[in-house]
Amino acid sequence: MKTSCFKHYAGPGRISIARYAPRGTPAGYRQFKAMAPYKHMLKMSIGPYRSIYFGEILKKLDPQKTWDHLHELAGNAEPVLLCWETLQTPDDWCHRRMAADWFAHHLGVEVPELIVERSGGTANSHTQQIRLDL
């Protein structure tokens, strides 16, 4: 499993964990709304956002069952969890990376961010960690 944003990844295994996909998103992605933020969270700073995302949204989910379900949704492809944010600086954050850290904390699995390099259009992965107080 990896994470990315709608803008940078249009390949196989796409699963939206956003409230909705951007207009013009190529068809073929799946949706898992149970990991989407609430509408009122979209303009929040990271502190209150994290508190609600971990304390309300992810708390309702079983990490292993969620992991398994996301792999089922992706079919034969590797799941790539998508949201809107492009994460261009180390200070940027989003809920897909929080979800990745949730999986790491509960299942001991690394879920790297898929990075598309501008020079050749190739995709590489790296892990961006967000400090969790679970």
Protein backbone atom coordinates (compact mmCIF):
# COMPACT_ATOMS: atom_id res chain seq x y z
CA MET A 1 0.00 0.00 0.00
CA LYS A 2 1.10 3.54 -0.76
CA THR A 3 -0.40 7.03 -0.60
CA SER A 4 -0.50 9.86 -3.13
CA CYS A 5 -2.70 12.67 -4.37
CA PHE A 6 -5.19 12.73 -7.22
CA LYS A 7 -2.97 15.17 -9.14
CA HIS A 8 0.13 12.93 -9.07
CA TYR A 9 -1.22 9.43 -9.50
CA ALA A 10 -3.67 8.05 -12.05
CA GLY A 11 -2.49 4.44 -12.21
CA PRO A 12 -3.93 1.16 -10.98
CA GLY A 13 -5.07 0.55 -7.41
CA ARG A 14 -6.39 4.09 -6.82
CA ILE A 15 -8.66 4.40 -3.79
CA SER A 16 -10.10 7.75 -2.82
CA ILE A 17 -10.25 8.38 0.92
CA ALA A 18 -11.40 11.94 0.27
CA ARG A 19 -14.94 13.27 0.61
CA TYR A 20 -15.05 13.37 -3.20
CA ALA A 21 -12.60 13.30 -6.11
CA PRO A 22 -11.58 16.42 -8.03
CA ARG A 23 -13.49 17.19 -11.20
CA GLY A 24 -11.80 15.53 -14.15
CA THR A 25 -10.30 12.64 -12.17
CA PRO A 26 -9.85 9.73 -14.58
CA ALA A 27 -12.35 6.93 -14.11
CA GLY A 28 -11.34 3.66 -12.52
CA TYR A 29 -10.68 4.68 -8.94
CA ARG A 30 -12.50 3.14 -6.00
CA GLN A 31 -13.80 4.94 -2.91
CA PHE A 32 -13.49 4.24 0.81
CA LYS A 33 -15.50 7.02 2.47
CA ALA A 34 -15.02 5.60 5.98
CA MET A 35 -11.54 7.22 6.02
CA ALA A 36 -12.69 10.58 4.62
CA PRO A 37 -12.66 13.66 6.87
CA TYR A 38 -15.87 15.36 7.91
CA LYS A 39 -16.79 18.49 5.94
CA HIS A 40 -16.22 20.82 8.91
CA MET A 41 -12.62 19.56 9.22
CA LEU A 42 -11.49 20.81 5.83
CA LYS A 43 -10.38 24.27 7.06
CA MET A 44 -8.97 23.16 10.44
CA SER A 45 -5.40 23.43 11.62
CA ILE A 46 -3.51 20.20 12.18
CA GLY A 47 -4.08 19.92 15.95
CA PRO A 48 -7.88 19.85 16.02
CA TYR A 49 -7.95 17.96 12.72
CA ARG A 50 -5.72 15.17 14.05
CA SER A 51 -7.73 14.96 17.21
CA ILE A 52 -10.97 14.38 15.30
CA TYR A 53 -9.42 12.19 12.59
CA PHE A 54 -7.83 9.76 15.05
CA GLY A 55 -10.33 10.12 17.87
CA GLU A 56 -13.53 9.85 15.84
CA ILE A 57 -12.97 8.68 12.27
CA LEU A 58 -10.20 6.09 12.58
CA LYS A 59 -11.34 5.02 16.04
CA LYS A 60 -14.47 3.52 14.45
CA LEU A 61 -12.38 1.30 12.16
CA ASP A 62 -10.50 -1.92 12.80
CA PRO A 63 -6.99 -1.49 11.32
CA GLN A 64 -6.62 -5.08 10.06
CA LYS A 65 -10.12 -5.26 8.58
CA THR A 66 -9.60 -1.86 6.94
CA TRP A 67 -6.22 -2.95 5.52
CA ASP A 68 -7.78 -6.12 4.12
CA HIS A 69 -10.77 -4.26 2.66
CA LEU A 70 -8.55 -1.70 0.92
CA HIS A 71 -6.53 -4.52 -0.65
CA GLU A 72 -9.77 -6.13 -1.83
CA LEU A 73 -10.91 -2.83 -3.36
CA ALA A 74 -7.61 -2.55 -5.27
CA GLY A 75 -8.10 -5.97 -6.84
CA ASN A 76 -4.84 -7.26 -8.31
CA ALA A 77 -3.11 -3.88 -7.93
CA GLU A 78 -1.31 -2.38 -4.97
CA PRO A 79 -3.67 0.00 -3.13
CA VAL A 80 -2.80 3.69 -3.44
CA LEU A 81 -4.80 5.87 -1.03
CA LEU A 82 -5.60 9.26 -2.57
CA CYS A 83 -6.64 12.67 -1.32
CA TRP A 84 -6.29 16.21 -2.63
CA GLU A 85 -3.16 17.61 -0.94
CA THR A 86 0.10 17.66 -2.90
CA LEU A 87 2.53 17.73 0.10
CA GLN A 88 5.21 19.89 -1.47
CA THR A 89 7.10 20.79 1.73
CA PRO A 90 7.96 18.80 4.89
CA ASP A 91 5.49 20.98 6.85
CA ASP A 92 2.57 20.01 4.59
CA TRP A 93 0.17 17.44 6.01
CA CYS A 94 -2.93 15.53 5.05
CA HIS A 95 -5.17 12.78 6.30
CA ARG A 96 -3.78 10.11 3.95
CA ARG A 97 -0.43 10.36 5.79
CA MET A 98 -2.28 10.19 9.09
CA ALA A 99 -3.96 7.02 7.83
CA ALA A 100 -0.53 5.66 6.83
CA ASP A 101 0.80 6.33 10.31
CA TRP A 102 -2.30 4.72 11.83
CA PHE A 103 -1.53 1.53 9.88
CA ALA A 104 2.13 1.72 10.94
CA HIS A 105 1.19 2.14 14.60
CA HIS A 106 -1.41 -0.62 14.71
CA LEU A 107 -0.12 -3.13 12.15
CA GLY A 108 3.61 -2.40 12.00
CA VAL A 109 3.51 -1.80 8.24
CA GLU A 110 5.12 1.05 6.35
CA VAL A 111 2.88 2.92 3.92
CA PRO A 112 5.13 5.24 1.89
CA GLU A 113 4.09 8.28 -0.12
CA LEU A 114 4.34 7.68 -3.87
CA ILE A 115 6.32 10.51 -5.41
CA VAL A 116 6.25 11.23 -9.13
CA GLU A 117 9.51 12.77 -10.24
CA ARG A 118 9.10 15.55 -12.77
CA SER A 119 12.22 14.66 -14.80
CA GLY A 120 11.18 11.27 -16.11
CA GLY A 121 7.67 10.87 -14.84
CA THR A 122 8.72 7.84 -12.81
CA ALA A 123 7.21 7.05 -9.46
CA ASN A 124 9.29 6.51 -6.33
CA SER A 125 8.27 6.07 -2.73
CA HIS A 126 9.35 7.74 0.48
CA THR A 127 7.90 7.80 3.92
CA GLN A 128 6.77 11.01 5.54
CA GLN A 129 6.10 10.62 9.23
CA ILE A 130 3.59 12.64 11.19
CA ARG A 131 4.12 12.51 14.96
CA LEU A 132 1.28 10.59 16.52
CA ASP A 133 0.01 10.77 20.06
CA LEU A 134 -2.26 7.74 19.93
